[in-house]
Amino acid sequence: MSRKLASIQRIWKIEPIEGADKIELAYVLGWQCVVNKDQFNPMDLAVYFEI
């Protein structure tokens, strides 16, 4: 059985990163992901790539 390494997931929360003006944290499946500032909003769908 193969595993999907990319899937469509919901962004649950967005938080600023102290001292960063171009990036912020997005929470997806309990993970913190770095995204461009103002690119996503909470509850948006996005492509999530597993590491």
N, C-alpha and C. Protein backbone atom coordinates (compact mmCIF):
# COMPACT_ATOMS: atom_id res chain seq x y z
N MET A 1 0.85 -1.18 0.00
CA MET A 1 0.00 0.00 0.00
C MET A 1 0.89 1.25 0.00
N SER A 2 0.65 2.14 -0.93
CA SER A 2 1.46 3.35 -1.01
C SER A 2 0.81 4.50 -0.24
N ARG A 3 1.62 5.42 0.17
CA ARG A 3 1.17 6.56 0.95
C ARG A 3 1.17 7.80 0.08
N LYS A 4 0.13 8.65 0.23
CA LYS A 4 0.12 9.92 -0.49
C LYS A 4 0.97 10.92 0.28
N LEU A 5 1.90 11.55 -0.40
CA LEU A 5 2.76 12.53 0.26
C LEU A 5 2.23 13.95 0.12
N ALA A 6 1.22 14.15 -0.70
CA ALA A 6 0.58 15.46 -0.84
C ALA A 6 -0.93 15.27 -0.82
N SER A 7 -1.61 16.15 -0.11
CA SER A 7 -3.07 16.06 -0.03
C SER A 7 -3.66 17.44 0.22
N ILE A 8 -4.96 17.58 -0.03
CA ILE A 8 -5.67 18.83 0.25
C ILE A 8 -6.10 18.80 1.71
N GLN A 9 -5.68 19.82 2.47
CA GLN A 9 -6.01 19.90 3.90
C GLN A 9 -6.47 21.31 4.25
N ARG A 10 -7.15 21.39 5.38
CA ARG A 10 -7.65 22.68 5.87
C ARG A 10 -6.63 23.32 6.80
N ILE A 11 -6.44 24.61 6.65
CA ILE A 11 -5.61 25.40 7.56
C ILE A 11 -6.49 25.81 8.73
N TRP A 12 -6.13 25.38 9.93
CA TRP A 12 -6.98 25.62 11.10
C TRP A 12 -6.70 26.94 11.78
N LYS A 13 -5.45 27.38 11.73
CA LYS A 13 -5.10 28.60 12.46
C LYS A 13 -3.90 29.24 11.79
N ILE A 14 -3.85 30.57 11.85
CA ILE A 14 -2.70 31.35 11.35
C ILE A 14 -2.20 32.20 12.52
N GLU A 15 -0.90 32.20 12.73
CA GLU A 15 -0.30 33.02 13.79
C GLU A 15 0.91 33.76 13.25
N PRO A 16 1.15 34.96 13.75
CA PRO A 16 2.35 35.69 13.32
C PRO A 16 3.60 35.06 13.91
N ILE A 17 4.73 35.30 13.28
CA ILE A 17 6.03 34.89 13.80
C ILE A 17 6.73 36.17 14.25
N GLU A 18 7.07 36.21 15.52
CA GLU A 18 7.69 37.41 16.08
C GLU A 18 8.98 37.75 15.34
N GLY A 19 9.09 38.99 14.89
CA GLY A 19 10.28 39.46 14.19
C GLY A 19 10.28 39.18 12.70
N ALA A 20 9.26 38.47 12.20
CA ALA A 20 9.19 38.15 10.77
C ALA A 20 8.13 39.03 10.11
N ASP A 21 8.47 39.65 9.00
CA ASP A 21 7.50 40.53 8.34
C ASP A 21 6.93 39.94 7.06
N LYS A 22 7.47 38.82 6.58
CA LYS A 22 6.99 38.26 5.31
C LYS A 22 6.45 36.84 5.43
N ILE A 23 6.58 36.23 6.62
CA ILE A 23 6.09 34.86 6.81
C ILE A 23 5.26 34.76 8.08
N GLU A 24 4.45 33.70 8.17
CA GLU A 24 3.66 33.43 9.37
C GLU A 24 3.46 31.92 9.49
N LEU A 25 2.90 31.48 10.62
CA LEU A 25 2.67 30.06 10.85
C LEU A 25 1.25 29.68 10.47
N ALA A 26 1.12 28.59 9.77
CA ALA A 26 -0.19 28.01 9.46
C ALA A 26 -0.22 26.63 10.13
N TYR A 27 -1.32 26.31 10.79
CA TYR A 27 -1.47 25.02 11.46
C TYR A 27 -2.30 24.09 10.60
N VAL A 28 -1.69 22.96 10.22
CA VAL A 28 -2.32 21.96 9.36
C VAL A 28 -2.10 20.59 9.98
N LEU A 29 -3.18 19.87 10.25
CA LEU A 29 -3.09 18.52 10.83
C LEU A 29 -2.23 18.49 12.09
N GLY A 30 -2.26 19.56 12.87
CA GLY A 30 -1.47 19.62 14.10
C GLY A 30 -0.03 20.04 13.90
N TRP A 31 0.38 20.23 12.66
CA TRP A 31 1.75 20.65 12.35
C TRP A 31 1.80 22.15 12.13
N GLN A 32 2.92 22.77 12.46
CA GLN A 32 3.16 24.18 12.16
C GLN A 32 3.90 24.25 10.83
N CYS A 33 3.36 25.02 9.90
CA CYS A 33 3.98 25.19 8.58
C CYS A 33 4.23 26.67 8.34
N VAL A 34 5.35 27.00 7.74
CA VAL A 34 5.67 28.39 7.41
C VAL A 34 5.07 28.71 6.04
N VAL A 35 4.32 29.82 5.98
CA VAL A 35 3.70 30.26 4.73
C VAL A 35 3.97 31.75 4.53
N ASN A 36 3.78 32.22 3.30
CA ASN A 36 3.90 33.65 3.03
C ASN A 36 2.82 34.40 3.79
N LYS A 37 3.16 35.56 4.29
CA LYS A 37 2.21 36.37 5.03
C LYS A 37 1.04 36.78 4.12
N ASP A 38 -0.16 36.73 4.66
CA ASP A 38 -1.40 37.11 3.98
C ASP A 38 -1.74 36.23 2.78
N GLN A 39 -1.14 35.06 2.68
CA GLN A 39 -1.46 34.15 1.58
C GLN A 39 -2.68 33.29 1.91
N PHE A 40 -2.83 32.92 3.20
CA PHE A 40 -3.93 32.05 3.62
C PHE A 40 -4.69 32.66 4.79
N ASN A 41 -5.91 32.18 4.96
CA ASN A 41 -6.76 32.53 6.10
C ASN A 41 -7.19 31.24 6.79
N PRO A 42 -7.56 31.32 8.07
CA PRO A 42 -8.08 30.13 8.73
C PRO A 42 -9.25 29.55 7.94
N MET A 43 -9.30 28.22 7.86
CA MET A 43 -10.33 27.44 7.17
C MET A 43 -10.13 27.36 5.66
N ASP A 44 -9.08 27.99 5.12
CA ASP A 44 -8.77 27.83 3.70
C ASP A 44 -8.29 26.40 3.45
N LEU A 45 -8.48 25.92 2.24
CA LEU A 45 -7.92 24.65 1.81
C LEU A 45 -6.59 24.92 1.13
N ALA A 46 -5.64 24.00 1.31
CA ALA A 46 -4.32 24.16 0.70
C ALA A 46 -3.74 22.78 0.43
N VAL A 47 -2.76 22.74 -0.45
CA VAL A 47 -2.04 21.50 -0.69
C VAL A 47 -1.00 21.35 0.42
N TYR A 48 -1.06 20.24 1.13
CA TYR A 48 -0.13 19.95 2.23
C TYR A 48 0.84 18.86 1.78
N PHE A 49 2.12 19.14 1.83
CA PHE A 49 3.16 18.19 1.44
C PHE A 49 3.80 17.61 2.70
N GLU A 50 3.72 16.30 2.88
CA GLU A 50 4.38 15.66 4.02
C GLU A 50 5.88 15.62 3.78
N ILE A 51 6.63 15.64 4.88
CA ILE A 51 8.10 15.52 4.75
C ILE A 51 8.49 14.06 4.87
